[in-house]
């Protein structure tokens, strides 16, 4: 596992921990806080399950879900001043996850290739 794949795996679990802490403890909704935790954690579930055995597609599914969480974090940071720090943290971890999950593929895509030998 490359360092960036490891970082993507850690970011998936960090994002999950942030969501549980945010909607379960730090700023729970008035009614049914655990239902809200389940609702917000649901898009991340495939990545969480794939990251347990270290599956190589965990980063892809985590990054896909992170796009939703990034949008949510920016929206909360922009519209709710008392939750701005949590929103920015969610957006930051989501962006880190997208970059970490994409890094190895982008590095391989844009790596200098040696030209084929002349015949």
N, C-alpha and C. Protein backbone atom coordinates (compact mmCIF):
# COMPACT_ATOMS: atom_id res chain seq x y z
N UNK A 1 0.85 -1.17 0.00
CA UNK A 1 0.00 0.00 0.00
C UNK A 1 0.90 1.24 0.00
N UNK A 2 0.64 2.13 -0.94
CA UNK A 2 1.44 3.34 -1.04
C UNK A 2 1.09 4.29 0.12
N UNK A 3 1.95 5.25 0.40
CA UNK A 3 1.65 6.22 1.46
C UNK A 3 0.36 7.00 1.21
N UNK A 4 0.08 7.33 -0.04
CA UNK A 4 -1.14 8.08 -0.34
C UNK A 4 -2.38 7.20 -0.21
N UNK A 5 -2.28 5.93 -0.54
CA UNK A 5 -3.41 5.02 -0.33
C UNK A 5 -3.67 4.86 1.16
N UNK A 6 -2.58 4.82 1.94
CA UNK A 6 -2.74 4.76 3.39
C UNK A 6 -3.39 6.03 3.92
N UNK A 7 -2.97 7.19 3.38
CA UNK A 7 -3.56 8.46 3.80
C UNK A 7 -5.05 8.52 3.42
N UNK A 8 -5.40 7.99 2.27
CA UNK A 8 -6.81 7.95 1.88
C UNK A 8 -7.61 7.09 2.85
N UNK A 9 -7.04 5.95 3.23
CA UNK A 9 -7.72 5.06 4.18
C UNK A 9 -7.91 5.75 5.53
N UNK A 10 -6.88 6.42 6.01
CA UNK A 10 -6.97 7.15 7.27
C UNK A 10 -7.99 8.30 7.16
N UNK A 11 -8.01 8.96 6.02
CA UNK A 11 -8.96 10.07 5.81
C UNK A 11 -10.40 9.60 5.81
N UNK A 12 -10.64 8.40 5.28
CA UNK A 12 -12.00 7.84 5.30
C UNK A 12 -12.46 7.68 6.75
N UNK A 13 -11.61 7.10 7.58
CA UNK A 13 -11.97 6.89 8.97
C UNK A 13 -12.03 8.20 9.75
N UNK A 14 -11.18 9.17 9.40
CA UNK A 14 -11.23 10.48 10.06
C UNK A 14 -12.53 11.21 9.72
N UNK A 15 -12.95 11.11 8.47
CA UNK A 15 -14.20 11.74 8.07
C UNK A 15 -15.39 11.08 8.77
N UNK A 16 -15.35 9.77 8.88
CA UNK A 16 -16.41 9.06 9.60
C UNK A 16 -16.44 9.49 11.07
N UNK A 17 -15.28 9.56 11.71
CA UNK A 17 -15.21 9.98 13.11
C UNK A 17 -15.71 11.41 13.29
N UNK A 18 -15.37 12.29 12.36
CA UNK A 18 -15.84 13.67 12.42
C UNK A 18 -17.36 13.73 12.31
N UNK A 19 -17.93 12.96 11.39
CA UNK A 19 -19.39 12.97 11.22
C UNK A 19 -20.10 12.45 12.46
N UNK A 20 -19.59 11.38 13.05
CA UNK A 20 -20.21 10.83 14.26
C UNK A 20 -20.09 11.83 15.41
N UNK A 21 -18.91 12.44 15.56
CA UNK A 21 -18.73 13.42 16.63
C UNK A 21 -19.60 14.65 16.41
N UNK A 22 -19.67 15.13 15.19
CA UNK A 22 -20.43 16.33 14.88
C UNK A 22 -21.92 16.12 15.13
N UNK A 23 -22.49 15.14 14.47
CA UNK A 23 -23.94 14.97 14.54
C UNK A 23 -24.41 14.16 15.74
N UNK A 24 -23.47 13.52 16.45
CA UNK A 24 -23.85 12.75 17.61
C UNK A 24 -23.55 13.43 18.93
N UNK A 25 -22.47 14.25 18.98
CA UNK A 25 -22.03 14.80 20.26
C UNK A 25 -21.88 16.32 20.24
N UNK A 26 -21.11 16.85 19.28
CA UNK A 26 -20.75 18.27 19.30
C UNK A 26 -21.91 19.21 18.99
N UNK A 27 -22.70 18.89 17.99
CA UNK A 27 -23.83 19.74 17.60
C UNK A 27 -24.99 18.85 17.15
N UNK A 28 -25.53 18.04 18.07
CA UNK A 28 -26.60 17.12 17.66
C UNK A 28 -27.89 17.87 17.35
N UNK A 29 -28.69 17.34 16.45
CA UNK A 29 -29.99 17.97 16.17
C UNK A 29 -30.93 17.77 17.36
N UNK A 30 -32.02 18.52 17.35
CA UNK A 30 -32.98 18.47 18.46
C UNK A 30 -33.62 17.09 18.60
N UNK A 31 -33.97 16.48 17.47
CA UNK A 31 -34.68 15.21 17.50
C UNK A 31 -33.87 14.15 16.76
N UNK A 32 -33.82 12.95 17.29
CA UNK A 32 -33.22 11.77 16.67
C UNK A 32 -31.78 12.02 16.20
N UNK A 33 -30.85 12.31 17.12
CA UNK A 33 -29.47 12.57 16.67
C UNK A 33 -28.81 11.35 16.05
N UNK A 34 -29.13 10.15 16.52
CA UNK A 34 -28.47 8.97 15.96
C UNK A 34 -29.02 8.61 14.58
N UNK A 35 -30.25 9.00 14.32
CA UNK A 35 -30.77 8.84 12.96
C UNK A 35 -30.03 9.77 12.00
N UNK A 36 -29.69 10.94 12.48
CA UNK A 36 -28.93 11.89 11.65
C UNK A 36 -27.51 11.38 11.41
N UNK A 37 -26.91 10.77 12.44
CA UNK A 37 -25.57 10.19 12.27
C UNK A 37 -25.62 9.09 11.21
N UNK A 38 -26.63 8.23 11.29
CA UNK A 38 -26.75 7.15 10.31
C UNK A 38 -26.98 7.72 8.91
N UNK A 39 -27.80 8.75 8.80
CA UNK A 39 -28.08 9.37 7.51
C UNK A 39 -26.81 9.96 6.90
N UNK A 40 -26.02 10.66 7.70
CA UNK A 40 -24.82 11.30 7.18
C UNK A 40 -23.70 10.31 6.93
N UNK A 41 -23.66 9.21 7.66
CA UNK A 41 -22.58 8.23 7.47
C UNK A 41 -22.88 7.24 6.35
N UNK A 42 -24.10 7.16 5.90
CA UNK A 42 -24.48 6.17 4.89
C UNK A 42 -23.68 6.26 3.59
N UNK A 43 -23.44 7.44 3.00
CA UNK A 43 -22.66 7.47 1.76
C UNK A 43 -21.21 6.99 1.93
N UNK A 44 -20.70 7.05 3.15
CA UNK A 44 -19.33 6.64 3.41
C UNK A 44 -19.21 5.14 3.71
N UNK A 45 -20.33 4.48 3.89
CA UNK A 45 -20.33 3.07 4.29
C UNK A 45 -19.58 2.14 3.33
N UNK A 46 -19.76 2.22 2.01
CA UNK A 46 -18.99 1.33 1.13
C UNK A 46 -17.47 1.51 1.29
N UNK A 47 -17.03 2.73 1.43
CA UNK A 47 -15.59 2.98 1.61
C UNK A 47 -15.09 2.43 2.94
N UNK A 48 -15.90 2.58 3.98
CA UNK A 48 -15.51 2.05 5.29
C UNK A 48 -15.37 0.53 5.24
N UNK A 49 -16.34 -0.13 4.63
CA UNK A 49 -16.30 -1.59 4.55
C UNK A 49 -15.14 -2.07 3.68
N UNK A 50 -14.86 -1.37 2.59
CA UNK A 50 -13.76 -1.76 1.72
C UNK A 50 -12.40 -1.48 2.34
N UNK A 51 -12.33 -0.49 3.22
CA UNK A 51 -11.04 -0.14 3.81
C UNK A 51 -10.63 -1.12 4.91
N UNK A 52 -11.57 -1.87 5.46
CA UNK A 52 -11.22 -2.81 6.52
C UNK A 52 -10.21 -3.86 6.05
N UNK A 53 -10.45 -4.53 4.92
CA UNK A 53 -9.42 -5.47 4.45
C UNK A 53 -8.34 -4.80 3.62
N UNK A 54 -8.41 -3.49 3.42
CA UNK A 54 -7.40 -2.79 2.63
C UNK A 54 -7.62 -2.91 1.13
N UNK A 55 -8.87 -2.99 0.72
CA UNK A 55 -9.20 -3.11 -0.71
C UNK A 55 -8.73 -1.87 -1.44
N UNK A 56 -8.24 -2.05 -2.66
CA UNK A 56 -7.68 -0.92 -3.41
C UNK A 56 -8.72 0.06 -3.91
N UNK A 57 -9.99 -0.32 -3.95
CA UNK A 57 -11.04 0.58 -4.41
C UNK A 57 -11.66 1.42 -3.28
N UNK A 58 -11.21 1.23 -2.06
CA UNK A 58 -11.76 1.99 -0.93
C UNK A 58 -11.56 3.49 -1.12
N UNK A 59 -10.39 3.88 -1.61
CA UNK A 59 -10.13 5.30 -1.83
C UNK A 59 -11.05 5.91 -2.86
N UNK A 60 -11.35 5.16 -3.93
CA UNK A 60 -12.26 5.66 -4.96
C UNK A 60 -13.64 5.93 -4.37
N UNK A 61 -14.19 4.94 -3.65
CA UNK A 61 -15.52 5.12 -3.08
C UNK A 61 -15.54 6.19 -2.00
N UNK A 62 -14.44 6.29 -1.24
CA UNK A 62 -14.35 7.35 -0.24
C UNK A 62 -14.30 8.72 -0.88
N UNK A 63 -13.53 8.85 -1.96
CA UNK A 63 -13.43 10.13 -2.65
C UNK A 63 -14.75 10.52 -3.29
N UNK A 64 -15.47 9.53 -3.80
CA UNK A 64 -16.78 9.79 -4.38
C UNK A 64 -17.74 10.36 -3.33
N UNK A 65 -17.75 9.74 -2.16
CA UNK A 65 -18.60 10.25 -1.07
C UNK A 65 -18.08 11.58 -0.55
N UNK A 66 -16.76 11.76 -0.57
CA UNK A 66 -16.18 13.00 -0.05
C UNK A 66 -16.61 14.22 -0.84
N UNK A 67 -16.96 14.05 -2.10
CA UNK A 67 -17.45 15.20 -2.87
C UNK A 67 -18.76 15.73 -2.27
N UNK A 68 -19.60 14.84 -1.79
CA UNK A 68 -20.83 15.27 -1.11
C UNK A 68 -20.51 15.98 0.20
N UNK A 69 -19.59 15.39 0.96
CA UNK A 69 -19.24 15.98 2.26
C UNK A 69 -18.51 17.31 2.09
N UNK A 70 -17.73 17.46 1.05
CA UNK A 70 -17.08 18.75 0.79
C UNK A 70 -18.13 19.83 0.55
N UNK A 71 -19.11 19.51 -0.28
CA UNK A 71 -20.18 20.48 -0.56
C UNK A 71 -20.94 20.83 0.70
N UNK A 72 -21.24 19.82 1.51
CA UNK A 72 -21.96 20.06 2.77
C UNK A 72 -21.13 20.93 3.71
N UNK A 73 -19.83 20.63 3.82
CA UNK A 73 -18.97 21.40 4.71
C UNK A 73 -18.87 22.86 4.30
N UNK A 74 -18.73 23.11 3.01
CA UNK A 74 -18.66 24.49 2.52
C UNK A 74 -19.99 25.20 2.77
N UNK A 75 -21.10 24.52 2.53
CA UNK A 75 -22.41 25.13 2.75
C UNK A 75 -22.60 25.49 4.22
N UNK A 76 -22.25 24.59 5.12
CA UNK A 76 -22.40 24.86 6.55
C UNK A 76 -21.46 25.98 6.98
N UNK A 77 -20.23 25.95 6.53
CA UNK A 77 -19.27 27.00 6.90
C UNK A 77 -19.72 28.37 6.42
N UNK A 78 -20.36 28.40 5.28
CA UNK A 78 -20.81 29.66 4.71
C UNK A 78 -22.07 30.18 5.38
N UNK A 79 -22.97 29.28 5.74
CA UNK A 79 -24.31 29.73 6.18
C UNK A 79 -24.53 29.72 7.69
N UNK A 80 -23.73 28.98 8.46
CA UNK A 80 -23.97 28.85 9.90
C UNK A 80 -22.70 29.22 10.65
N UNK A 81 -22.60 30.45 11.15
CA UNK A 81 -21.36 30.90 11.79
C UNK A 81 -20.95 30.05 13.00
N UNK A 82 -21.90 29.56 13.79
CA UNK A 82 -21.52 28.79 14.98
C UNK A 82 -20.99 27.40 14.64
N UNK A 83 -21.22 26.92 13.43
CA UNK A 83 -20.71 25.62 12.99
C UNK A 83 -19.62 25.76 11.93
N UNK A 84 -19.10 26.96 11.78
CA UNK A 84 -18.13 27.22 10.72
C UNK A 84 -16.89 26.32 10.83
N UNK A 85 -16.36 26.16 12.04
CA UNK A 85 -15.16 25.35 12.22
C UNK A 85 -15.41 23.89 11.82
N UNK A 86 -16.55 23.34 12.22
CA UNK A 86 -16.87 21.96 11.85
C UNK A 86 -17.04 21.82 10.33
N UNK A 87 -17.68 22.80 9.72
CA UNK A 87 -17.86 22.77 8.27
C UNK A 87 -16.53 22.84 7.53
N UNK A 88 -15.64 23.71 7.98
CA UNK A 88 -14.34 23.82 7.34
C UNK A 88 -13.50 22.57 7.56
N UNK A 89 -13.64 21.97 8.73
CA UNK A 89 -12.94 20.72 9.01
C UNK A 89 -13.44 19.60 8.10
N UNK A 90 -14.76 19.53 7.92
CA UNK A 90 -15.33 18.53 7.02
C UNK A 90 -14.87 18.75 5.58
N UNK A 91 -14.87 19.99 5.15
CA UNK A 91 -14.42 20.29 3.79
C UNK A 91 -12.93 19.98 3.63
N UNK A 92 -12.13 20.27 4.64
CA UNK A 92 -10.70 20.01 4.56
C UNK A 92 -10.37 18.53 4.52
N UNK A 93 -11.00 17.75 5.38
CA UNK A 93 -10.75 16.30 5.37
C UNK A 93 -11.25 15.69 4.07
N UNK A 94 -12.37 16.18 3.57
CA UNK A 94 -12.89 15.68 2.30
C UNK A 94 -11.94 15.98 1.15
N UNK A 95 -11.41 17.19 1.12
CA UNK A 95 -10.46 17.55 0.06
C UNK A 95 -9.18 16.71 0.17
N UNK A 96 -8.72 16.48 1.39
CA UNK A 96 -7.55 15.63 1.59
C UNK A 96 -7.81 14.22 1.09
N UNK A 97 -9.00 13.71 1.34
CA UNK A 97 -9.35 12.37 0.88
C UNK A 97 -9.38 12.29 -0.65
N UNK A 98 -9.94 13.27 -1.30
CA UNK A 98 -9.99 13.27 -2.76
C UNK A 98 -8.58 13.32 -3.35
N UNK A 99 -7.73 14.17 -2.81
CA UNK A 99 -6.36 14.28 -3.31
C UNK A 99 -5.59 12.99 -3.05
N UNK A 100 -5.70 12.45 -1.84
CA UNK A 100 -4.96 11.23 -1.51
C UNK A 100 -5.41 10.04 -2.35
N UNK A 101 -6.71 9.94 -2.60
CA UNK A 101 -7.22 8.83 -3.40
C UNK A 101 -6.84 8.96 -4.87
N UNK A 102 -6.64 10.17 -5.33
CA UNK A 102 -6.33 10.41 -6.75
C UNK A 102 -4.84 10.48 -7.03
N UNK A 103 -4.03 10.62 -6.01
CA UNK A 103 -2.61 10.92 -6.19
C UNK A 103 -1.87 9.87 -7.01
N UNK A 104 -2.00 8.61 -6.64
CA UNK A 104 -1.23 7.57 -7.34
C UNK A 104 -1.62 7.48 -8.81
N UNK A 105 -2.89 7.59 -9.09
CA UNK A 105 -3.34 7.54 -10.48
C UNK A 105 -2.88 8.74 -11.27
N UNK A 106 -2.93 9.91 -10.67
CA UNK A 106 -2.47 11.12 -11.37
C UNK A 106 -0.95 11.08 -11.58
N UNK A 107 -0.23 10.57 -10.60
CA UNK A 107 1.22 10.47 -10.74
C UNK A 107 1.58 9.50 -11.87
N UNK A 108 0.87 8.39 -11.95
CA UNK A 108 1.13 7.43 -13.03
C UNK A 108 0.73 8.00 -14.38
N UNK A 109 -0.33 8.76 -14.40
CA UNK A 109 -0.83 9.32 -15.66
C UNK A 109 0.14 10.35 -16.24
N UNK A 110 0.72 11.17 -15.39
CA UNK A 110 1.58 12.26 -15.87
C UNK A 110 3.06 12.00 -15.67
N UNK A 111 3.44 10.78 -15.37
CA UNK A 111 4.85 10.44 -15.21
C UNK A 111 5.55 10.49 -16.57
N UNK A 112 6.81 10.82 -16.51
CA UNK A 112 7.59 10.82 -17.76
C UNK A 112 7.74 9.38 -18.22
N UNK A 113 7.39 9.17 -19.43
CA UNK A 113 7.52 7.84 -20.00
C UNK A 113 8.77 7.78 -20.86
N UNK A 114 9.43 6.67 -20.77
CA UNK A 114 10.61 6.51 -21.62
C UNK A 114 10.15 6.14 -23.02
N UNK A 115 10.71 6.79 -24.00
CA UNK A 115 10.27 6.48 -25.37
C UNK A 115 10.70 5.07 -25.76
N UNK A 116 9.94 4.45 -26.64
CA UNK A 116 10.34 3.10 -27.08
C UNK A 116 11.66 3.17 -27.84
N UNK A 117 12.44 2.11 -27.76
CA UNK A 117 13.74 2.14 -28.45
C UNK A 117 13.53 2.22 -29.97
N UNK A 118 14.44 2.93 -30.59
CA UNK A 118 14.38 3.07 -32.06
C UNK A 118 14.79 1.76 -32.71
N UNK A 119 14.09 1.45 -33.74
CA UNK A 119 14.37 0.20 -34.43
C UNK A 119 15.38 0.39 -35.52
